[in-house]
Amino acid sequence: METVSEQLIEHLKRIEPAKTVDYSLGRLLKNRAEGKLAAFQERVKYCQTRYHMSADEFYAQKIKDKSHTWAEEETYFDWVSAIQGAEEMEKEIAALEEILAHADG
């Protein structure tokens, strides 16, 4: 396993102070995951508002029949990627919360 330099640990302690490096790093990762989750959720909401439908409905109406445009296909894949990214970040946040609940902060 790789080690973290003392210099980075000192920065971590100043940016995300806590009793242990693990807790500081866990909080920092959780905060980053929450930021990414918010960005993914914003993208999903934008698409739902713009097209007035869910990604599944968009697929059924625009993509399924294969007569869609490149822009529609790109929109669909961006939308689905945002949905999947949000799901992954929710899992990461839950896992980090579990770790932090058992860490000495």
PDB file of N, CA and C in Angstrom:
ATOM      1  N   MET A   1       0.832  -1.175   0.000  1.00  0.00           N
ATOM      2  CA  MET A   1       0.000   0.000   0.000  1.00  0.00           C
ATOM      3  C   MET A   1       0.883   1.247   0.000  1.00  0.00           C
ATOM      4  N   GLU A   2       0.442   2.247  -0.700  1.00  0.00           N
ATOM      5  CA  GLU A   2       1.197   3.493  -0.761  1.00  0.00           C
ATOM      6  C   GLU A   2       1.033   4.293   0.524  1.00  0.00           C
ATOM      7  N   THR A   3       2.020   5.115   0.802  1.00  0.00           N
ATOM      8  CA  THR A   3       1.945   5.974   1.970  1.00  0.00           C
ATOM      9  C   THR A   3       1.703   7.413   1.528  1.00  0.00           C
ATOM     10  N   VAL A   4       1.198   8.208   2.456  1.00  0.00           N
ATOM     11  CA  VAL A   4       0.939   9.617   2.191  1.00  0.00           C
ATOM     12  C   VAL A   4       2.082  10.418   2.798  1.00  0.00           C
ATOM     13  N   SER A   5       2.577  11.394   2.059  1.00  0.00           N
ATOM     14  CA  SER A   5       3.690  12.191   2.562  1.00  0.00           C
ATOM     15  C   SER A   5       3.270  13.029   3.758  1.00  0.00           C
ATOM     16  N   GLU A   6       4.208  13.297   4.616  1.00  0.00           N
ATOM     17  CA  GLU A   6       3.959  14.138   5.797  1.00  0.00           C
ATOM     18  C   GLU A   6       3.471  15.522   5.381  1.00  0.00           C
ATOM     19  N   GLN A   7       3.992  16.011   4.287  1.00  0.00           N
ATOM     20  CA  GLN A   7       3.591  17.333   3.792  1.00  0.00           C
ATOM     21  C   GLN A   7       2.095  17.354   3.469  1.00  0.00           C
ATOM     22  N   LEU A   8       1.601  16.328   2.790  1.00  0.00           N
ATOM     23  CA  LEU A   8       0.169  16.263   2.487  1.00  0.00           C
ATOM     24  C   LEU A   8      -0.665  16.068   3.748  1.00  0.00           C
ATOM     25  N   ILE A   9      -0.173  15.300   4.681  1.00  0.00           N
ATOM     26  CA  ILE A   9      -0.888  15.102   5.938  1.00  0.00           C
ATOM     27  C   ILE A   9      -1.039  16.429   6.678  1.00  0.00           C
ATOM     28  N   GLU A  10      -0.001  17.247   6.674  1.00  0.00           N
ATOM     29  CA  GLU A  10      -0.085  18.562   7.328  1.00  0.00           C
ATOM     30  C   GLU A  10      -1.140  19.446   6.663  1.00  0.00           C
ATOM     31  N   HIS A  11      -1.196  19.419   5.345  1.00  0.00           N
ATOM     32  CA  HIS A  11      -2.236  20.182   4.633  1.00  0.00           C
ATOM     33  C   HIS A  11      -3.620  19.641   4.988  1.00  0.00           C
ATOM     34  N   LEU A  12      -3.746  18.335   5.036  1.00  0.00           N
ATOM     35  CA  LEU A  12      -5.016  17.707   5.385  1.00  0.00           C
ATOM     36  C   LEU A  12      -5.471  18.141   6.774  1.00  0.00           C
ATOM     37  N   LYS A  13      -4.552  18.163   7.724  1.00  0.00           N
ATOM     38  CA  LYS A  13      -4.886  18.565   9.091  1.00  0.00           C
ATOM     39  C   LYS A  13      -5.374  20.015   9.150  1.00  0.00           C
ATOM     40  N   ARG A  14      -4.834  20.877   8.308  1.00  0.00           N
ATOM     41  CA  ARG A  14      -5.263  22.278   8.292  1.00  0.00           C
ATOM     42  C   ARG A  14      -6.597  22.453   7.567  1.00  0.00           C
ATOM     43  N   ILE A  15      -6.787  21.714   6.509  1.00  0.00           N
ATOM     44  CA  ILE A  15      -8.003  21.868   5.700  1.00  0.00           C
ATOM     45  C   ILE A  15      -9.189  21.163   6.332  1.00  0.00           C
ATOM     46  N   GLU A  16      -8.963  19.979   6.886  1.00  0.00           N
ATOM     47  CA  GLU A  16     -10.048  19.162   7.465  1.00  0.00           C
ATOM     48  C   GLU A  16      -9.590  18.635   8.827  1.00  0.00           C
ATOM     49  N   PRO A  17      -9.512  19.533   9.825  1.00  0.00           N
ATOM     50  CA  PRO A  17      -8.977  19.112  11.125  1.00  0.00           C
ATOM     51  C   PRO A  17      -9.851  18.068  11.826  1.00  0.00           C
ATOM     52  N   ALA A  18      -9.199  17.093  12.421  1.00  0.00           N
ATOM     53  CA  ALA A  18      -9.872  16.056  13.209  1.00  0.00           C
ATOM     54  C   ALA A  18      -8.809  15.373  14.061  1.00  0.00           C
ATOM     55  N   LYS A  19      -9.249  14.480  14.944  1.00  0.00           N
ATOM     56  CA  LYS A  19      -8.307  13.785  15.827  1.00  0.00           C
ATOM     57  C   LYS A  19      -7.375  12.849  15.072  1.00  0.00           C
ATOM     58  N   THR A  20      -7.886  12.230  14.001  1.00  0.00           N
ATOM     59  CA  THR A  20      -7.062  11.275  13.250  1.00  0.00           C
ATOM     60  C   THR A  20      -7.032  11.632  11.773  1.00  0.00           C
ATOM     61  N   VAL A  21      -5.966  11.192  11.127  1.00  0.00           N
ATOM     62  CA  VAL A  21      -5.824  11.404   9.684  1.00  0.00           C
ATOM     63  C   VAL A  21      -6.926  10.662   8.938  1.00  0.00           C
ATOM     64  N   ASP A  22      -7.253   9.455   9.384  1.00  0.00           N
ATOM     65  CA  ASP A  22      -8.316   8.686   8.730  1.00  0.00           C
ATOM     66  C   ASP A  22      -9.646   9.442   8.749  1.00  0.00           C
ATOM     67  N   TYR A  23      -9.964  10.026   9.889  1.00  0.00           N
ATOM     68  CA  TYR A  23     -11.225  10.756   9.997  1.00  0.00           C
ATOM     69  C   TYR A  23     -11.208  11.998   9.102  1.00  0.00           C
ATOM     70  N   SER A  24     -10.086  12.717   9.103  1.00  0.00           N
ATOM     71  CA  SER A  24      -9.950  13.897   8.244  1.00  0.00           C
ATOM     72  C   SER A  24     -10.117  13.525   6.779  1.00  0.00           C
ATOM     73  N   LEU A  25      -9.425  12.479   6.386  1.00  0.00           N
ATOM     74  CA  LEU A  25      -9.493  12.041   4.996  1.00  0.00           C
ATOM     75  C   LEU A  25     -10.891  11.537   4.651  1.00  0.00           C
ATOM     76  N   GLY A  26     -11.509  10.801   5.561  1.00  0.00           N
ATOM     77  CA  GLY A  26     -12.878  10.322   5.333  1.00  0.00           C
ATOM     78  C   GLY A  26     -13.852  11.461   5.137  1.00  0.00           C
ATOM     79  N   ARG A  27     -13.753  12.496   5.975  1.00  0.00           N
ATOM     80  CA  ARG A  27     -14.638  13.661   5.828  1.00  0.00           C
ATOM     81  C   ARG A  27     -14.377  14.392   4.523  1.00  0.00           C
ATOM     82  N   LEU A  28     -13.107  14.529   4.169  1.00  0.00           N
ATOM     83  CA  LEU A  28     -12.757  15.197   2.922  1.00  0.00           C
ATOM     84  C   LEU A  28     -13.328  14.439   1.725  1.00  0.00           C
ATOM     85  N   LEU A  29     -13.192  13.123   1.728  1.00  0.00           N
ATOM     86  CA  LEU A  29     -13.739  12.303   0.646  1.00  0.00           C
ATOM     87  C   LEU A  29     -15.262  12.382   0.603  1.00  0.00           C
ATOM     88  N   LYS A  30     -15.883  12.365   1.765  1.00  0.00           N
ATOM     89  CA  LYS A  30     -17.343  12.461   1.829  1.00  0.00           C
ATOM     90  C   LYS A  30     -17.813  13.805   1.273  1.00  0.00           C
ATOM     91  N   ASN A  31     -17.133  14.870   1.651  1.00  0.00           N
ATOM     92  CA  ASN A  31     -17.495  16.194   1.128  1.00  0.00           C
ATOM     93  C   ASN A  31     -17.350  16.249  -0.391  1.00  0.00           C
ATOM     94  N   ARG A  32     -16.302  15.658  -0.910  1.00  0.00           N
ATOM     95  CA  ARG A  32     -16.076  15.623  -2.358  1.00  0.00           C
ATOM     96  C   ARG A  32     -17.170  14.801  -3.045  1.00  0.00           C
ATOM     97  N   ALA A  33     -17.519  13.662  -2.466  1.00  0.00           N
ATOM     98  CA  ALA A  33     -18.579  12.826  -3.033  1.00  0.00           C
ATOM     99  C   ALA A  33     -19.914  13.559  -3.014  1.00  0.00           C
ATOM    100  N   GLU A  34     -20.189  14.302  -1.950  1.00  0.00           N
ATOM    101  CA  GLU A  34     -21.429  15.070  -1.875  1.00  0.00           C
ATOM    102  C   GLU A  34     -21.476  16.160  -2.952  1.00  0.00           C
ATOM    103  N   GLY A  35     -20.333  16.774  -3.231  1.00  0.00           N
ATOM    104  CA  GLY A  35     -20.272  17.768  -4.301  1.00  0.00           C
ATOM    105  C   GLY A  35     -20.533  17.145  -5.663  1.00  0.00           C
ATOM    106  N   LYS A  36     -19.938  15.984  -5.896  1.00  0.00           N
ATOM    107  CA  LYS A  36     -20.164  15.292  -7.157  1.00  0.00           C
ATOM    108  C   LYS A  36     -21.615  14.836  -7.279  1.00  0.00           C
ATOM    109  N   LEU A  37     -22.191  14.350  -6.159  1.00  0.00           N
ATOM    110  CA  LEU A  37     -23.592  13.945  -6.159  1.00  0.00           C
ATOM    111  C   LEU A  37     -24.483  15.118  -6.536  1.00  0.00           C
ATOM    112  N   ALA A  38     -24.233  16.268  -5.956  1.00  0.00           N
ATOM    113  CA  ALA A  38     -25.040  17.457  -6.259  1.00  0.00           C
ATOM    114  C   ALA A  38     -24.945  17.820  -7.740  1.00  0.00           C
ATOM    115  N   ALA A  39     -23.755  17.719  -8.318  1.00  0.00           N
ATOM    116  CA  ALA A  39     -23.588  18.032  -9.739  1.00  0.00           C
ATOM    117  C   ALA A  39     -24.352  17.036 -10.618  1.00  0.00           C
ATOM    118  N   PHE A  40     -24.273  15.758 -10.280  1.00  0.00           N
ATOM    119  CA  PHE A  40     -25.015  14.748 -11.033  1.00  0.00           C
ATOM    120  C   PHE A  40     -26.521  14.980 -10.911  1.00  0.00           C
ATOM    121  N   GLN A  41     -26.984  15.251  -9.697  1.00  0.00           N
ATOM    122  CA  GLN A  41     -28.407  15.492  -9.483  1.00  0.00           C
ATOM    123  C   GLN A  41     -28.886  16.728 -10.234  1.00  0.00           C
ATOM    124  N   GLU A  42     -28.047  17.739 -10.291  1.00  0.00           N
ATOM    125  CA  GLU A  42     -28.394  18.954 -11.024  1.00  0.00           C
ATOM    126  C   GLU A  42     -28.558  18.651 -12.516  1.00  0.00           C
ATOM    127  N   ARG A  43     -27.676  17.838 -13.047  1.00  0.00           N
ATOM    128  CA  ARG A  43     -27.757  17.458 -14.462  1.00  0.00           C
ATOM    129  C   ARG A  43     -29.039  16.667 -14.744  1.00  0.00           C
ATOM    130  N   VAL A  44     -29.373  15.733 -13.865  1.00  0.00           N
ATOM    131  CA  VAL A  44     -30.595  14.939 -14.029  1.00  0.00           C
ATOM    132  C   VAL A  44     -31.810  15.850 -13.975  1.00  0.00           C
ATOM    133  N   LYS A  45     -31.841  16.743 -13.002  1.00  0.00           N
ATOM    134  CA  LYS A  45     -32.977  17.659 -12.861  1.00  0.00           C
ATOM    135  C   LYS A  45     -33.105  18.566 -14.092  1.00  0.00           C
ATOM    136  N   TYR A  46     -31.977  19.038 -14.598  1.00  0.00           N
ATOM    137  CA  TYR A  46     -31.991  19.879 -15.794  1.00  0.00           C
ATOM    138  C   TYR A  46     -32.639  19.133 -16.966  1.00  0.00           C
ATOM    139  N   CYS A  47     -32.224  17.901 -17.173  1.00  0.00           N
ATOM    140  CA  CYS A  47     -32.778  17.110 -18.281  1.00  0.00           C
ATOM    141  C   CYS A  47     -34.269  16.846 -18.081  1.00  0.00           C
ATOM    142  N   GLN A  48     -34.652  16.493 -16.868  1.00  0.00           N
ATOM    143  CA  GLN A  48     -36.069  16.233 -16.599  1.00  0.00           C
ATOM    144  C   GLN A  48     -36.909  17.490 -16.831  1.00  0.00           C
ATOM    145  N   THR A  49     -36.396  18.626 -16.424  1.00  0.00           N
ATOM    146  CA  THR A  49     -37.119  19.891 -16.602  1.00  0.00           C
ATOM    147  C   THR A  49     -37.163  20.292 -18.074  1.00  0.00           C
ATOM    148  N   ARG A  50     -36.054  20.149 -18.743  1.00  0.00           N
ATOM    149  CA  ARG A  50     -35.992  20.550 -20.159  1.00  0.00           C
ATOM    150  C   ARG A  50     -36.914  19.708 -21.034  1.00  0.00           C
ATOM    151  N   TYR A  51     -36.928  18.403 -20.793  1.00  0.00           N
ATOM    152  CA  TYR A  51     -37.689  17.505 -21.662  1.00  0.00           C
ATOM    153  C   TYR A  51     -39.037  17.082 -21.073  1.00  0.00           C
ATOM    154  N   HIS A  52     -39.299  17.491 -19.844  1.00  0.00           N
ATOM    155  CA  HIS A  52     -40.581  17.192 -19.181  1.00  0.00           C
ATOM    156  C   HIS A  52     -40.878  15.696 -19.155  1.00  0.00           C
ATOM    157  N   MET A  53     -39.848  14.896 -18.860  1.00  0.00           N
ATOM    158  CA  MET A  53     -40.006  13.441 -18.783  1.00  0.00           C
ATOM    159  C   MET A  53     -38.802  12.842 -18.089  1.00  0.00           C
ATOM    160  N   SER A  54     -38.904  11.564 -17.775  1.00  0.00           N
ATOM    161  CA  SER A  54     -37.783  10.833 -17.186  1.00  0.00           C
ATOM    162  C   SER A  54     -36.851  10.352 -18.307  1.00  0.00           C
ATOM    163  N   ALA A  55     -35.701   9.861 -17.911  1.00  0.00           N
ATOM    164  CA  ALA A  55     -34.753   9.312 -18.888  1.00  0.00           C
ATOM    165  C   ALA A  55     -35.359   8.103 -19.605  1.00  0.00           C
ATOM    166  N   ASP A  56     -36.098   7.286 -18.876  1.00  0.00           N
ATOM    167  CA  ASP A  56     -36.735   6.116 -19.492  1.00  0.00           C
ATOM    168  C   ASP A  56     -37.768   6.540 -20.536  1.00  0.00           C
ATOM    169  N   GLU A  57     -38.540   7.563 -20.212  1.00  0.00           N
ATOM    170  CA  GLU A  57     -39.532   8.070 -21.172  1.00  0.00           C
ATOM    171  C   GLU A  57     -38.845   8.685 -22.390  1.00  0.00           C
ATOM    172  N   PHE A  58     -37.737   9.397 -22.147  1.00  0.00           N
ATOM    173  CA  PHE A  58     -36.971   9.984 -23.248  1.00  0.00           C
ATOM    174  C   PHE A  58     -36.472   8.881 -24.176  1.00  0.00           C
ATOM    175  N   TYR A  59     -35.947   7.815 -23.588  1.00  0.00           N
ATOM    176  CA  TYR A  59     -35.472   6.693 -24.383  1.00  0.00           C
ATOM    177  C   TYR A  59     -36.606   6.123 -25.223  1.00  0.00           C
ATOM    178  N   ALA A  60     -37.750   5.882 -24.605  1.00  0.00           N
ATOM    179  CA  ALA A  60     -38.886   5.278 -25.312  1.00  0.00           C
ATOM    180  C   ALA A  60     -39.388   6.170 -26.437  1.00  0.00           C
ATOM    181  N   GLN A  61     -39.375   7.471 -26.232  1.00  0.00           N
ATOM    182  CA  GLN A  61     -39.924   8.396 -27.232  1.00  0.00           C
ATOM    183  C   GLN A  61     -38.918   8.833 -28.285  1.00  0.00           C
ATOM    184  N   LYS A  62     -37.641   8.928 -27.915  1.00  0.00           N
ATOM    185  CA  LYS A  62     -36.657   9.512 -28.834  1.00  0.00           C
ATOM    186  C   LYS A  62     -35.601   8.545 -29.352  1.00  0.00           C
ATOM    187  N   ILE A  63     -35.218   7.570 -28.556  1.00  0.00           N
ATOM    188  CA  ILE A  63     -34.056   6.749 -28.888  1.00  0.00           C
ATOM    189  C   ILE A  63     -34.430   5.367 -29.407  1.00  0.00           C
ATOM    190  N   LYS A  64     -35.424   4.766 -28.824  1.00  0.00           N
ATOM    191  CA  LYS A  64     -35.757   3.370 -29.088  1.00  0.00           C
ATOM    192  C   LYS A  64     -35.986   3.062 -30.569  1.00  0.00           C
ATOM    193  N   ASP A  65     -36.661   3.945 -31.276  1.00  0.00           N
ATOM    194  CA  ASP A  65     -37.005   3.653 -32.674  1.00  0.00           C
ATOM    195  C   ASP A  65     -35.843   3.867 -33.651  1.00  0.00           C
ATOM    196  N   LYS A  66     -34.710   4.289 -33.147  1.00  0.00           N
ATOM    197  CA  LYS A  66     -33.482   4.466 -33.927  1.00  0.00           C
ATOM    198  C   LYS A  66     -33.560   5.557 -34.999  1.00  0.00           C
ATOM    199  N   SER A  67     -34.562   6.402 -34.940  1.00  0.00           N
ATOM    200  CA  SER A  67     -34.634   7.515 -35.888  1.00  0.00           C
ATOM    201  C   SER A  67     -34.259   8.822 -35.195  1.00  0.00           C
ATOM    202  N   HIS A  68     -33.489   8.722 -34.137  1.00  0.00           N
ATOM    203  CA  HIS A  68     -33.095   9.894 -33.358  1.00  0.00           C
ATOM    204  C   HIS A  68     -31.878  10.584 -33.956  1.00  0.00           C
ATOM    205  N   THR A  69     -31.670  11.803 -33.496  1.00  0.00           N
ATOM    206  CA  THR A  69     -30.494  12.560 -33.940  1.00  0.00           C
ATOM    207  C   THR A  69     -29.301  12.230 -33.042  1.00  0.00           C
ATOM    208  N   TRP A  70     -28.131  12.627 -33.509  1.00  0.00           N
ATOM    209  CA  TRP A  70     -26.925  12.456 -32.701  1.00  0.00           C
ATOM    210  C   TRP A  70     -27.059  13.244 -31.402  1.00  0.00           C
ATOM    211  N   ALA A  71     -27.609  14.424 -31.454  1.00  0.00           N
ATOM    212  CA  ALA A  71     -27.790  15.258 -30.256  1.00  0.00           C
ATOM    213  C   ALA A  71     -28.711  14.585 -29.244  1.00  0.00           C
ATOM    214  N   GLU A  72     -29.762  13.952 -29.724  1.00  0.00           N
ATOM    215  CA  GLU A  72     -30.673  13.242 -28.820  1.00  0.00           C
ATOM    216  C   GLU A  72     -29.972  12.060 -28.160  1.00  0.00           C
ATOM    217  N   GLU A  73     -29.185  11.344 -28.932  1.00  0.00           N
ATOM    218  CA  GLU A  73     -28.446  10.211 -28.382  1.00  0.00           C
ATOM    219  C   GLU A  73     -27.426  10.679 -27.349  1.00  0.00           C
ATOM    220  N   GLU A  74     -26.737  11.748 -27.665  1.00  0.00           N
ATOM    221  CA  GLU A  74     -25.761  12.308 -26.735  1.00  0.00           C
ATOM    222  C   GLU A  74     -26.436  12.771 -25.447  1.00  0.00           C
ATOM    223  N   THR A  75     -27.581  13.422 -25.580  1.00  0.00           N
ATOM    224  CA  THR A  75     -28.344  13.851 -24.411  1.00  0.00           C
ATOM    225  C   THR A  75     -28.724  12.662 -23.554  1.00  0.00           C
ATOM    226  N   TYR A  76     -29.217  11.621 -24.188  1.00  0.00           N
ATOM    227  CA  TYR A  76     -29.635  10.433 -23.449  1.00  0.00           C
ATOM    228  C   TYR A  76     -28.459   9.823 -22.687  1.00  0.00           C
ATOM    229  N   PHE A  77     -27.325   9.664 -23.331  1.00  0.00           N
ATOM    230  CA  PHE A  77     -26.181   9.059 -22.667  1.00  0.00           C
ATOM    231  C   PHE A  77     -25.648   9.943 -21.544  1.00  0.00           C
ATOM    232  N   ASP A  78     -25.649  11.264 -21.733  1.00  0.00           N
ATOM    233  CA  ASP A  78     -25.257  12.176 -20.658  1.00  0.00           C
ATOM    234  C   ASP A  78     -26.208  12.048 -19.473  1.00  0.00           C
ATOM    235  N   TRP A  79     -27.487  11.962 -19.773  1.00  0.00           N
ATOM    236  CA  TRP A  79     -28.522  11.852 -18.750  1.00  0.00           C
ATOM    237  C   TRP A  79     -28.362  10.565 -17.952  1.00  0.00           C
ATOM    238  N   VAL A  80     -28.215   9.458 -18.652  1.00  0.00           N
ATOM    239  CA  VAL A  80     -28.045   8.159 -17.993  1.00  0.00           C
ATOM    240  C   VAL A  80     -26.735   8.130 -17.206  1.00  0.00           C
ATOM    241  N   SER A  81     -25.692   8.719 -17.741  1.00  0.00           N
ATOM    242  CA  SER A  81     -24.418   8.776 -17.024  1.00  0.00           C
ATOM    243  C   SER A  81     -24.569   9.558 -15.722  1.00  0.00           C
ATOM    244  N   ALA A  82     -25.339  10.638 -15.753  1.00  0.00           N
ATOM    245  CA  ALA A  82     -25.577  11.430 -14.548  1.00  0.00           C
ATOM    246  C   ALA A  82     -26.378  10.630 -13.522  1.00  0.00           C
ATOM    247  N   ILE A  83     -27.369   9.891 -13.989  1.00  0.00           N
ATOM    248  CA  ILE A  83     -28.161   9.046 -13.081  1.00  0.00           C
ATOM    249  C   ILE A  83     -27.259   7.994 -12.429  1.00  0.00           C
ATOM    250  N   GLN A  84     -26.443   7.328 -13.236  1.00  0.00           N
ATOM    251  CA  GLN A  84     -25.545   6.296 -12.710  1.00  0.00           C
ATOM    252  C   GLN A  84     -24.486   6.899 -11.789  1.00  0.00           C
ATOM    253  N   GLY A  85     -23.977   8.065 -12.155  1.00  0.00           N
ATOM    254  CA  GLY A  85     -22.997   8.742 -11.306  1.00  0.00           C
ATOM    255  C   GLY A  85     -23.587   9.103  -9.954  1.00  0.00           C
ATOM    256  N   ALA A  86     -24.831   9.582  -9.951  1.00  0.00           N
ATOM    257  CA  ALA A  86     -25.505   9.914  -8.697  1.00  0.00           C
ATOM    258  C   ALA A  86     -25.676   8.674  -7.831  1.00  0.00           C
ATOM    259  N   GLU A  87     -26.064   7.571  -8.443  1.00  0.00           N
ATOM    260  CA  GLU A  87     -26.232   6.323  -7.691  1.00  0.00           C
ATOM    261  C   GLU A  87     -24.911   5.876  -7.068  1.00  0.00           C
ATOM    262  N   GLU A  88     -23.828   5.981  -7.830  1.00  0.00           N
ATOM    263  CA  GLU A  88     -22.514   5.591  -7.326  1.00  0.00           C
ATOM    264  C   GLU A  88     -22.074   6.498  -6.182  1.00  0.00           C
ATOM    265  N   MET A  89     -22.299   7.799  -6.309  1.00  0.00           N
ATOM    266  CA  MET A  89     -21.916   8.716  -5.245  1.00  0.00           C
ATOM    267  C   MET A  89     -22.749   8.484  -3.987  1.00  0.00           C
ATOM    268  N   GLU A  90     -24.014   8.131  -4.140  1.00  0.00           N
ATOM    269  CA  GLU A  90     -24.840   7.808  -2.969  1.00  0.00           C
ATOM    270  C   GLU A  90     -24.268   6.597  -2.233  1.00  0.00           C
ATOM    271  N   LYS A  91     -23.802   5.600  -2.983  1.00  0.00           N
ATOM    272  CA  LYS A  91     -23.187   4.415  -2.374  1.00  0.00           C
ATOM    273  C   LYS A  91     -21.880   4.790  -1.668  1.00  0.00           C
ATOM    274  N   GLU A  92     -21.084   5.616  -2.318  1.00  0.00           N
ATOM    275  CA  GLU A  92     -19.819   6.058  -1.722  1.00  0.00           C
ATOM    276  C   GLU A  92     -20.069   6.827  -0.432  1.00  0.00           C
ATOM    277  N   ILE A  93     -21.033   7.726  -0.446  1.00  0.00           N
ATOM    278  CA  ILE A  93     -21.352   8.517   0.739  1.00  0.00           C
ATOM    279  C   ILE A  93     -21.812   7.617   1.878  1.00  0.00           C
ATOM    280  N   ALA A  94     -22.661   6.659   1.576  1.00  0.00           N
ATOM    281  CA  ALA A  94     -23.134   5.727   2.603  1.00  0.00           C
ATOM    282  C   ALA A  94     -21.961   4.925   3.183  1.00  0.00           C
ATOM    283  N   ALA A  95     -21.071   4.468   2.340  1.00  0.00           N
ATOM    284  CA  ALA A  95     -19.910   3.696   2.805  1.00  0.00           C
ATOM    285  C   ALA A  95     -19.001   4.576   3.667  1.00  0.00           C
ATOM    286  N   LEU A  96     -18.778   5.800   3.236  1.00  0.00           N
ATOM    287  CA  LEU A  96     -17.934   6.713   4.009  1.00  0.00           C
ATOM    288  C   LEU A  96     -18.581   7.079   5.344  1.00  0.00           C
ATOM    289  N   GLU A  97     -19.891   7.249   5.346  1.00  0.00           N
ATOM    290  CA  GLU A  97     -20.594   7.530   6.603  1.00  0.00           C
ATOM    291  C   GLU A  97     -20.437   6.374   7.578  1.00  0.00           C
ATOM    292  N   GLU A  98     -20.478   5.162   7.068  1.00  0.00           N
ATOM    293  CA  GLU A  98     -20.280   3.983   7.910  1.00  0.00           C
ATOM    294  C   GLU A  98     -18.863   3.975   8.490  1.00  0.00           C
ATOM    295  N   ILE A  99     -17.903   4.277   7.666  1.00  0.00           N
ATOM    296  CA  ILE A  99     -16.504   4.318   8.133  1.00  0.00           C
ATOM    297  C   ILE A  99     -16.338   5.424   9.177  1.00  0.00           C
ATOM    298  N   LEU A 100     -16.885   6.586   8.901  1.00  0.00           N
ATOM    299  CA  LEU A 100     -16.753   7.722   9.825  1.00  0.00           C
ATOM    300  C   LEU A 100     -17.478   7.461  11.151  1.00  0.00           C
ATOM    301  N   ALA A 101     -18.562   6.719  11.110  1.00  0.00           N
ATOM    302  CA  ALA A 101     -19.300   6.410  12.331  1.00  0.00           C
ATOM    303  C   ALA A 101     -18.472   5.562  13.284  1.00  0.00           C
ATOM    304  N   HIS A 102     -17.530   4.809  12.738  1.00  0.00           N
ATOM    305  CA  HIS A 102     -16.684   3.935  13.566  1.00  0.00           C
ATOM    306  C   HIS A 102     -15.275   4.493  13.756  1.00  0.00           C
ATOM    307  N   ALA A 103     -15.009   5.636  13.170  1.00  0.00           N
ATOM    308  CA  ALA A 103     -13.676   6.248  13.292  1.00  0.00           C
ATOM    309  C   ALA A 103     -13.660   7.213  14.474  1.00  0.00           C
ATOM    310  N   ASP A 104     -12.505   7.456  14.973  1.00  0.00           N
ATOM    311  CA  ASP A 104     -12.330   8.390  16.089  1.00  0.00           C
ATOM    312  C   ASP A 104     -12.069   9.778  15.524  1.00  0.00           C
ATOM    313  N   GLY A 105     -13.106  10.610  15.524  1.00  0.00           N
ATOM    314  CA  GLY A 105     -12.987  11.951  14.944  1.00  0.00           C
ATOM    315  C   GLY A 105     -12.704  12.974  15.981  1.00  0.00           C
TER     316      GLY A 105
END
